[in-house]
Amino acid sequence: QLTAVSEERDRLRKDHNMLSNQKTRDGDDMSSKKMESDLSQMEKVVRELETTLHEQRELISQQHAELNLMNEKLSIEARKAKSLEREGDQLRSQVALLESKLGHGDYSASSTKVLRMVNTLAMDSEAKQTIEALQAELKKTKERLQAIEELKGQADAGTVVDANVAEKLAQLKNQVATLEKREERYKAVFLERISVFRKACCSLFGYQVNGYTSQHEIAQQVDIFIRKMNSIPAFTANLTMESFNKRSIC
């Protein structure tokens, strides 16, 4: 420990001073050469101890800086998590409201129109981006934790680590586990929201939305009405008229 090293250094300095004083008093003694050798050896040991102390202080300073950076990142993640929790509560309220308005019912495969879109919905994309961002932050946090654990292992072999590092590591691991649980809850909320949106589209427009497949024959309509005109009602109206015309001709 730093305290033990400092005490050893101070003790050697004290012995060094005593030998220096004795050498001054007994300058003509035959043992002066031996005393000079002892003094030189003590000076070398003191220098080595001071070098060790300096290196250990630098190592502890680096570890504290790393811990402070991780604490700051975790604080940011905690604020994001609270914001996502509030958004989840709002989404659950919206889901309950939509379910009360639309109700639940079975859809007939013979009469249900299926709309297959080339790209997923904006909310689906936003949900995936949010989950990917959380996963990236969790990965970075785990890498930092692993780096600190490696530093702690090196410290056990001969270096000095602050006594609070083990406790702080445990706290950081608990926070990472909490973030992972929240991520799973948010995935469930996003899936629930997408399901409600698809049911609402089916009830309002008569189309069953499938975001996992594509249909090339309506790609031009998607490009015109959704991407350029930014109008889903115009897209569905045009698709409805084409479907009606095809059935009438047949």
C-alpha atoms as a PDB file:
ATOM      1  CA  GLN A   1       0.000   0.000   0.000  1.00  0.00           C
ATOM      2  CA  LEU A   2       1.042   3.629  -0.454  1.00  0.00           C
ATOM      3  CA  THR A   3       1.111   4.203   3.322  1.00  0.00           C
ATOM      4  CA  ALA A   4       3.477   1.285   3.929  1.00  0.00           C
ATOM      5  CA  VAL A   5       5.805   2.378   1.129  1.00  0.00           C
ATOM      6  CA  SER A   6       5.840   5.949   2.448  1.00  0.00           C
ATOM      7  CA  GLU A   7       6.643   4.757   5.976  1.00  0.00           C
ATOM      8  CA  GLU A   8       9.495   2.581   4.667  1.00  0.00           C
ATOM      9  CA  ARG A   9      10.891   5.515   2.707  1.00  0.00           C
ATOM     10  CA  ASP A  10      10.751   7.809   5.763  1.00  0.00           C
ATOM     11  CA  ARG A  11      12.459   5.156   7.927  1.00  0.00           C
ATOM     12  CA  LEU A  12      15.285   4.789   5.429  1.00  0.00           C
ATOM     13  CA  ARG A  13      15.723   8.531   5.244  1.00  0.00           C
ATOM     14  CA  LYS A  14      15.948   8.682   9.046  1.00  0.00           C
ATOM     15  CA  ASP A  15      18.607   5.949   9.070  1.00  0.00           C
ATOM     16  CA  HIS A  16      20.403   7.771   6.278  1.00  0.00           C
ATOM     17  CA  ASN A  17      20.523  10.994   8.302  1.00  0.00           C
ATOM     18  CA  MET A  18      21.743   9.149  11.403  1.00  0.00           C
ATOM     19  CA  LEU A  19      24.569   7.531   9.443  1.00  0.00           C
ATOM     20  CA  SER A  20      25.474  10.871   7.897  1.00  0.00           C
ATOM     21  CA  ASN A  21      25.692  12.491  11.333  1.00  0.00           C
ATOM     22  CA  GLN A  22      27.767   9.600  12.673  1.00  0.00           C
ATOM     23  CA  LYS A  23      30.092   9.869   9.717  1.00  0.00           C
ATOM     24  CA  THR A  24      30.599  13.570  10.430  1.00  0.00           C
ATOM     25  CA  ARG A  25      31.467  12.861  14.074  1.00  0.00           C
ATOM     26  CA  ASP A  26      33.740   9.893  13.276  1.00  0.00           C
ATOM     27  CA  GLY A  27      35.369  11.190  10.118  1.00  0.00           C
ATOM     28  CA  ASP A  28      38.745   9.566  10.923  1.00  0.00           C
ATOM     29  CA  ASP A  29      37.351   6.169  11.884  1.00  0.00           C
ATOM     30  CA  MET A  30      38.361   3.071   9.901  1.00  0.00           C
ATOM     31  CA  SER A  31      34.687   2.137   9.329  1.00  0.00           C
ATOM     32  CA  SER A  32      33.931   5.316   7.357  1.00  0.00           C
ATOM     33  CA  LYS A  33      34.173   3.454   4.041  1.00  0.00           C
ATOM     34  CA  LYS A  34      31.610   0.917   5.154  1.00  0.00           C
ATOM     35  CA  MET A  35      29.314   3.718   6.325  1.00  0.00           C
ATOM     36  CA  GLU A  36      29.675   5.441   2.967  1.00  0.00           C
ATOM     37  CA  SER A  37      28.724   2.200   1.238  1.00  0.00           C
ATOM     38  CA  ASP A  38      25.673   1.823   3.492  1.00  0.00           C
ATOM     39  CA  LEU A  39      24.679   5.425   2.827  1.00  0.00           C
ATOM     40  CA  SER A  40      24.970   4.928  -0.925  1.00  0.00           C
ATOM     41  CA  GLN A  41      22.851   1.786  -0.745  1.00  0.00           C
ATOM     42  CA  MET A  42      20.190   3.548   1.329  1.00  0.00           C
ATOM     43  CA  GLU A  43      20.082   6.456  -1.108  1.00  0.00           C
ATOM     44  CA  LYS A  44      19.536   4.013  -3.962  1.00  0.00           C
ATOM     45  CA  VAL A  45      16.697   2.267  -2.085  1.00  0.00           C
ATOM     46  CA  VAL A  46      15.087   5.626  -1.258  1.00  0.00           C
ATOM     47  CA  ARG A  47      15.207   6.662  -4.917  1.00  0.00           C
ATOM     48  CA  GLU A  48      13.640   3.363  -5.971  1.00  0.00           C
ATOM     49  CA  LEU A  49      10.881   3.778  -3.384  1.00  0.00           C
ATOM     50  CA  GLU A  50      10.182   7.328  -4.550  1.00  0.00           C
ATOM     51  CA  THR A  51       9.995   6.117  -8.168  1.00  0.00           C
ATOM     52  CA  THR A  52       7.567   3.368  -7.130  1.00  0.00           C
ATOM     53  CA  LEU A  53       5.425   5.873  -5.234  1.00  0.00           C
ATOM     54  CA  HIS A  54       5.307   8.174  -8.249  1.00  0.00           C
ATOM     55  CA  GLU A  55       4.271   5.352 -10.597  1.00  0.00           C
ATOM     56  CA  GLN A  56       1.580   4.150  -8.198  1.00  0.00           C
ATOM     57  CA  ARG A  57       0.163   7.648  -7.809  1.00  0.00           C
ATOM     58  CA  GLU A  58      -0.031   8.008 -11.601  1.00  0.00           C
ATOM     59  CA  LEU A  59      -1.777   4.629 -11.911  1.00  0.00           C
ATOM     60  CA  ILE A  60      -4.345   5.526  -9.254  1.00  0.00           C
ATOM     61  CA  SER A  61      -4.922   8.907 -10.918  1.00  0.00           C
ATOM     62  CA  GLN A  62      -5.603   7.197 -14.261  1.00  0.00           C
ATOM     63  CA  GLN A  63      -8.001   4.739 -12.642  1.00  0.00           C
ATOM     64  CA  HIS A  64      -9.895   7.536 -10.896  1.00  0.00           C
ATOM     65  CA  ALA A  65     -10.172   9.419 -14.198  1.00  0.00           C
ATOM     66  CA  GLU A  66     -11.556   6.283 -15.881  1.00  0.00           C
ATOM     67  CA  LEU A  67     -14.076   5.761 -13.080  1.00  0.00           C
ATOM     68  CA  ASN A  68     -15.212   9.379 -13.264  1.00  0.00           C
ATOM     69  CA  LEU A  69     -15.718   9.058 -17.015  1.00  0.00           C
ATOM     70  CA  MET A  70     -17.742   5.869 -16.577  1.00  0.00           C
ATOM     71  CA  ASN A  71     -19.862   7.463 -13.849  1.00  0.00           C
ATOM     72  CA  GLU A  72     -20.611  10.361 -16.175  1.00  0.00           C
ATOM     73  CA  LYS A  73     -21.604   7.985 -18.985  1.00  0.00           C
ATOM     74  CA  LEU A  74     -23.821   5.999 -16.635  1.00  0.00           C
ATOM     75  CA  SER A  75     -25.512   9.184 -15.443  1.00  0.00           C
ATOM     76  CA  ILE A  76     -26.334  10.019 -19.055  1.00  0.00           C
ATOM     77  CA  GLU A  77     -27.675   6.490 -19.594  1.00  0.00           C
ATOM     78  CA  ALA A  78     -29.788   6.774 -16.448  1.00  0.00           C
ATOM     79  CA  ARG A  79     -31.363   9.988 -17.736  1.00  0.00           C
ATOM     80  CA  LYS A  80     -32.039   8.331 -21.093  1.00  0.00           C
ATOM     81  CA  ALA A  81     -33.605   5.361 -19.319  1.00  0.00           C
ATOM     82  CA  LYS A  82     -35.941   7.621 -17.331  1.00  0.00           C
ATOM     83  CA  SER A  83     -36.935   9.406 -20.533  1.00  0.00           C
ATOM     84  CA  LEU A  84     -37.679   6.060 -22.206  1.00  0.00           C
ATOM     85  CA  GLU A  85     -39.717   4.968 -19.191  1.00  0.00           C
ATOM     86  CA  ARG A  86     -41.872   8.079 -19.490  1.00  0.00           C
ATOM     87  CA  GLU A  87     -42.284   7.422 -23.208  1.00  0.00           C
ATOM     88  CA  GLY A  88     -43.243   3.823 -22.422  1.00  0.00           C
ATOM     89  CA  ASP A  89     -45.953   5.001 -20.018  1.00  0.00           C
ATOM     90  CA  GLN A  90     -47.333   7.327 -22.692  1.00  0.00           C
ATOM     91  CA  LEU A  91     -47.303   4.522 -25.258  1.00  0.00           C
ATOM     92  CA  ARG A  92     -49.158   2.180 -22.923  1.00  0.00           C
ATOM     93  CA  SER A  93     -51.799   4.868 -22.399  1.00  0.00           C
ATOM     94  CA  GLN A  94     -52.138   5.303 -26.159  1.00  0.00           C
ATOM     95  CA  VAL A  95     -52.420   1.545 -26.621  1.00  0.00           C
ATOM     96  CA  ALA A  96     -55.207   1.330 -24.047  1.00  0.00           C
ATOM     97  CA  LEU A  97     -57.042   4.223 -25.714  1.00  0.00           C
ATOM     98  CA  LEU A  98     -56.761   2.682 -29.191  1.00  0.00           C
ATOM     99  CA  GLU A  99     -57.903  -0.702 -27.954  1.00  0.00           C
ATOM    100  CA  SER A 100     -60.936   0.836 -26.305  1.00  0.00           C
ATOM    101  CA  LYS A 101     -61.847   2.629 -29.556  1.00  0.00           C
ATOM    102  CA  LEU A 102     -61.066  -0.088 -32.085  1.00  0.00           C
ATOM    103  CA  GLY A 103     -61.819  -3.233 -30.107  1.00  0.00           C
ATOM    104  CA  HIS A 104     -60.607  -6.665 -31.137  1.00  0.00           C
ATOM    105  CA  GLY A 105     -61.856  -8.858 -33.984  1.00  0.00           C
ATOM    106  CA  ASP A 106     -60.877 -11.670 -36.354  1.00  0.00           C
ATOM    107  CA  TYR A 107     -59.924 -10.815 -39.902  1.00  0.00           C
ATOM    108  CA  SER A 108     -61.117 -12.939 -42.834  1.00  0.00           C
ATOM    109  CA  ALA A 109     -58.346 -13.982 -45.177  1.00  0.00           C
ATOM    110  CA  SER A 110     -60.767 -13.906 -48.155  1.00  0.00           C
ATOM    111  CA  SER A 111     -61.896 -10.305 -47.635  1.00  0.00           C
ATOM    112  CA  THR A 112     -58.870  -8.710 -45.968  1.00  0.00           C
ATOM    113  CA  LYS A 113     -56.640  -6.647 -48.248  1.00  0.00           C
ATOM    114  CA  VAL A 114     -52.913  -7.023 -47.568  1.00  0.00           C
ATOM    115  CA  LEU A 115     -50.568  -4.078 -48.105  1.00  0.00           C
ATOM    116  CA  ARG A 116     -46.903  -5.070 -48.261  1.00  0.00           C
ATOM    117  CA  MET A 117     -44.565  -2.089 -48.042  1.00  0.00           C
ATOM    118  CA  VAL A 118     -40.999  -1.993 -49.357  1.00  0.00           C
ATOM    119  CA  ASN A 119     -39.678  -0.156 -46.285  1.00  0.00           C
ATOM    120  CA  THR A 120     -40.674  -0.564 -42.646  1.00  0.00           C
ATOM    121  CA  LEU A 121     -42.680   2.159 -40.941  1.00  0.00           C
ATOM    122  CA  ALA A 122     -40.955   5.177 -39.450  1.00  0.00           C
ATOM    123  CA  MET A 123     -41.822   4.159 -35.914  1.00  0.00           C
ATOM    124  CA  ASP A 124     -40.395   0.681 -36.488  1.00  0.00           C
ATOM    125  CA  SER A 125     -37.142   2.217 -37.725  1.00  0.00           C
ATOM    126  CA  GLU A 126     -37.001   4.593 -34.774  1.00  0.00           C
ATOM    127  CA  ALA A 127     -37.524   1.716 -32.346  1.00  0.00           C
ATOM    128  CA  LYS A 128     -34.710  -0.305 -33.920  1.00  0.00           C
ATOM    129  CA  GLN A 129     -32.351   2.678 -33.837  1.00  0.00           C
ATOM    130  CA  THR A 130     -33.101   3.279 -30.165  1.00  0.00           C
ATOM    131  CA  ILE A 131     -32.475  -0.376 -29.298  1.00  0.00           C
ATOM    132  CA  GLU A 132     -29.243  -0.443 -31.318  1.00  0.00           C
ATOM    133  CA  ALA A 133     -28.025   2.712 -29.552  1.00  0.00           C
ATOM    134  CA  LEU A 134     -28.734   1.139 -26.158  1.00  0.00           C
ATOM    135  CA  GLN A 135     -26.933  -2.037 -27.173  1.00  0.00           C
ATOM    136  CA  ALA A 136     -23.904  -0.029 -28.344  1.00  0.00           C
ATOM    137  CA  GLU A 137     -23.748   1.901 -25.048  1.00  0.00           C
ATOM    138  CA  LEU A 138     -24.033  -1.328 -23.085  1.00  0.00           C
ATOM    139  CA  LYS A 139     -21.228  -2.884 -25.107  1.00  0.00           C
ATOM    140  CA  LYS A 140     -18.956   0.106 -24.454  1.00  0.00           C
ATOM    141  CA  THR A 141     -19.765   0.029 -20.745  1.00  0.00           C
ATOM    142  CA  LYS A 142     -18.963  -3.691 -20.556  1.00  0.00           C
ATOM    143  CA  GLU A 143     -15.631  -3.107 -22.323  1.00  0.00           C
ATOM    144  CA  ARG A 144     -14.705  -0.389 -19.824  1.00  0.00           C
ATOM    145  CA  LEU A 145     -15.645  -2.664 -16.930  1.00  0.00           C
ATOM    146  CA  GLN A 146     -13.474  -5.426 -18.356  1.00  0.00           C
ATOM    147  CA  ALA A 147     -10.543  -3.001 -18.725  1.00  0.00           C
ATOM    148  CA  ILE A 148     -10.834  -1.909 -15.089  1.00  0.00           C
ATOM    149  CA  GLU A 149     -11.067  -5.519 -13.938  1.00  0.00           C
ATOM    150  CA  GLU A 150      -7.830  -6.242 -15.809  1.00  0.00           C
ATOM    151  CA  LEU A 151      -6.198  -3.275 -14.081  1.00  0.00           C
ATOM    152  CA  LYS A 152      -7.435  -4.614 -10.758  1.00  0.00           C
ATOM    153  CA  GLY A 153      -5.917  -8.017 -11.550  1.00  0.00           C
ATOM    154  CA  GLN A 154      -2.578  -6.350 -12.279  1.00  0.00           C
ATOM    155  CA  ALA A 155      -2.841  -4.449  -9.029  1.00  0.00           C
ATOM    156  CA  ASP A 156      -3.321  -7.729  -7.124  1.00  0.00           C
ATOM    157  CA  ALA A 157      -0.013  -8.929  -8.620  1.00  0.00           C
ATOM    158  CA  GLY A 158       2.013  -5.988  -7.295  1.00  0.00           C
ATOM    159  CA  THR A 159       0.367  -2.644  -8.040  1.00  0.00           C
ATOM    160  CA  VAL A 160      -1.898  -0.599  -5.809  1.00  0.00           C
ATOM    161  CA  VAL A 161      -5.570   0.050  -6.520  1.00  0.00           C
ATOM    162  CA  ASP A 162      -7.881   2.304  -4.594  1.00  0.00           C
ATOM    163  CA  ALA A 163      -9.924   0.442  -1.957  1.00  0.00           C
ATOM    164  CA  ASN A 164     -13.172   1.722  -3.477  1.00  0.00           C
ATOM    165  CA  VAL A 165     -12.564   0.191  -6.935  1.00  0.00           C
ATOM    166  CA  ALA A 166     -14.118  -3.221  -6.134  1.00  0.00           C
ATOM    167  CA  GLU A 167     -17.261  -1.634  -4.692  1.00  0.00           C
ATOM    168  CA  LYS A 168     -17.585   0.761  -7.622  1.00  0.00           C
ATOM    169  CA  LEU A 169     -17.154  -2.114 -10.087  1.00  0.00           C
ATOM    170  CA  ALA A 170     -20.000  -3.993  -8.415  1.00  0.00           C
ATOM    171  CA  GLN A 171     -22.204  -0.908  -8.628  1.00  0.00           C
ATOM    172  CA  LEU A 172     -21.392  -0.453 -12.319  1.00  0.00           C
ATOM    173  CA  LYS A 173     -22.213  -4.109 -13.040  1.00  0.00           C
ATOM    174  CA  ASN A 174     -25.587  -3.727 -11.298  1.00  0.00           C
ATOM    175  CA  GLN A 175     -26.334  -0.631 -13.360  1.00  0.00           C
ATOM    176  CA  VAL A 176     -25.454  -2.473 -16.588  1.00  0.00           C
ATOM    177  CA  ALA A 177     -27.791  -5.327 -15.617  1.00  0.00           C
ATOM    178  CA  THR A 178     -30.564  -2.796 -14.937  1.00  0.00           C
ATOM    179  CA  LEU A 179     -30.052  -1.199 -18.358  1.00  0.00           C
ATOM    180  CA  GLU A 180     -30.250  -4.616 -20.034  1.00  0.00           C
ATOM    181  CA  LYS A 181     -33.574  -5.353 -18.297  1.00  0.00           C
ATOM    182  CA  ARG A 182     -34.942  -1.974 -19.359  1.00  0.00           C
ATOM    183  CA  GLU A 183     -33.847  -2.635 -22.924  1.00  0.00           C
ATOM    184  CA  GLU A 184     -35.927  -5.833 -22.983  1.00  0.00           C
ATOM    185  CA  ARG A 185     -38.963  -3.961 -21.628  1.00  0.00           C
ATOM    186  CA  TYR A 186     -38.597  -1.272 -24.283  1.00  0.00           C
ATOM    187  CA  LYS A 187     -38.425  -3.921 -27.009  1.00  0.00           C
ATOM    188  CA  ALA A 188     -41.723  -5.330 -25.758  1.00  0.00           C
ATOM    189  CA  VAL A 189     -43.308  -1.846 -25.735  1.00  0.00           C
ATOM    190  CA  PHE A 190     -42.155  -1.131 -29.287  1.00  0.00           C
ATOM    191  CA  LEU A 191     -43.510  -4.452 -30.550  1.00  0.00           C
ATOM    192  CA  GLU A 192     -46.819  -3.740 -28.830  1.00  0.00           C
ATOM    193  CA  ARG A 193     -47.025  -0.282 -30.393  1.00  0.00           C
ATOM    194  CA  ILE A 194     -46.325  -1.646 -33.886  1.00  0.00           C
ATOM    195  CA  SER A 195     -48.996  -4.332 -33.446  1.00  0.00           C
ATOM    196  CA  VAL A 196     -51.601  -1.738 -32.426  1.00  0.00           C
ATOM    197  CA  PHE A 197     -50.694   0.428 -35.418  1.00  0.00           C
ATOM    198  CA  ARG A 198     -51.214  -2.477 -37.807  1.00  0.00           C
ATOM    199  CA  LYS A 199     -54.598  -3.291 -36.276  1.00  0.00           C
ATOM    200  CA  ALA A 200     -55.617   0.359 -36.548  1.00  0.00           C
ATOM    201  CA  CYS A 201     -54.649   0.433 -40.251  1.00  0.00           C
ATOM    202  CA  CYS A 202     -56.705  -2.689 -40.870  1.00  0.00           C
ATOM    203  CA  SER A 203     -59.756  -1.266 -39.072  1.00  0.00           C
ATOM    204  CA  LEU A 204     -59.573   2.203 -40.674  1.00  0.00           C
ATOM    205  CA  PHE A 205     -58.378   1.437 -44.217  1.00  0.00           C
ATOM    206  CA  GLY A 206     -59.123  -2.260 -44.666  1.00  0.00           C
ATOM    207  CA  TYR A 207     -55.472  -3.140 -45.188  1.00  0.00           C
ATOM    208  CA  GLN A 208     -53.326  -5.507 -43.191  1.00  0.00           C
ATOM    209  CA  VAL A 209     -49.845  -3.972 -42.893  1.00  0.00           C
ATOM    210  CA  ASN A 210     -46.924  -6.384 -43.241  1.00  0.00           C
ATOM    211  CA  GLY A 211     -43.548  -4.753 -42.633  1.00  0.00           C
ATOM    212  CA  TYR A 212     -41.390  -7.825 -43.238  1.00  0.00           C
ATOM    213  CA  THR A 213     -41.943  -8.529 -46.947  1.00  0.00           C
ATOM    214  CA  SER A 214     -41.914  -6.486 -50.144  1.00  0.00           C
ATOM    215  CA  GLN A 215     -43.977  -6.398 -53.336  1.00  0.00           C
ATOM    216  CA  HIS A 216     -42.280  -4.951 -56.423  1.00  0.00           C
ATOM    217  CA  GLU A 217     -45.476  -4.154 -58.326  1.00  0.00           C
ATOM    218  CA  ILE A 218     -46.403  -1.319 -55.920  1.00  0.00           C
ATOM    219  CA  ALA A 219     -42.853   0.054 -55.594  1.00  0.00           C
ATOM    220  CA  GLN A 220     -43.632   2.905 -58.001  1.00  0.00           C
ATOM    221  CA  GLN A 221     -46.713   3.912 -56.004  1.00  0.00           C
ATOM    222  CA  VAL A 222     -44.740   3.847 -52.757  1.00  0.00           C
ATOM    223  CA  ASP A 223     -42.110   6.099 -54.327  1.00  0.00           C
ATOM    224  CA  ILE A 224     -44.680   8.606 -55.633  1.00  0.00           C
ATOM    225  CA  PHE A 225     -47.289   8.832 -52.872  1.00  0.00           C
ATOM    226  CA  ILE A 226     -45.275   8.069 -49.721  1.00  0.00           C
ATOM    227  CA  ARG A 227     -41.719   9.194 -50.409  1.00  0.00           C
ATOM    228  CA  LYS A 228     -42.395  12.190 -52.668  1.00  0.00           C
ATOM    229  CA  MET A 229     -45.903  13.307 -51.639  1.00  0.00           C
ATOM    230  CA  ASN A 230     -45.605  12.061 -48.032  1.00  0.00           C
ATOM    231  CA  SER A 231     -49.265  10.998 -48.049  1.00  0.00           C
ATOM    232  CA  ILE A 232     -50.359   7.543 -46.909  1.00  0.00           C
ATOM    233  CA  PRO A 233     -54.090   8.330 -47.501  1.00  0.00           C
ATOM    234  CA  ALA A 234     -53.354   9.154 -51.165  1.00  0.00           C
ATOM    235  CA  PHE A 235     -51.364   5.943 -51.498  1.00  0.00           C
ATOM    236  CA  THR A 236     -54.101   3.768 -49.983  1.00  0.00           C
ATOM    237  CA  ALA A 237     -56.813   5.529 -51.998  1.00  0.00           C
ATOM    238  CA  ASN A 238     -54.955   4.942 -55.258  1.00  0.00           C
ATOM    239  CA  LEU A 239     -54.287   1.323 -54.330  1.00  0.00           C
ATOM    240  CA  THR A 240     -57.962   0.843 -53.439  1.00  0.00           C
ATOM    241  CA  MET A 241     -59.099   2.220 -56.810  1.00  0.00           C
ATOM    242  CA  GLU A 242     -56.678  -0.020 -58.684  1.00  0.00           C
ATOM    243  CA  SER A 243     -57.865  -3.037 -56.720  1.00  0.00           C
ATOM    244  CA  PHE A 244     -61.506  -2.110 -57.403  1.00  0.00           C
ATOM    245  CA  ASN A 245     -60.837  -1.672 -61.123  1.00  0.00           C
ATOM    246  CA  LYS A 246     -59.098  -5.048 -61.315  1.00  0.00           C
ATOM    247  CA  ARG A 247     -62.011  -6.782 -59.597  1.00  0.00           C
ATOM    248  CA  SER A 248     -64.545  -4.966 -61.828  1.00  0.00           C
ATOM    249  CA  ILE A 249     -62.741  -5.944 -65.025  1.00  0.00           C
ATOM    250  CA  CYS A 250     -62.539  -9.536 -63.914  1.00  0.00           C
END
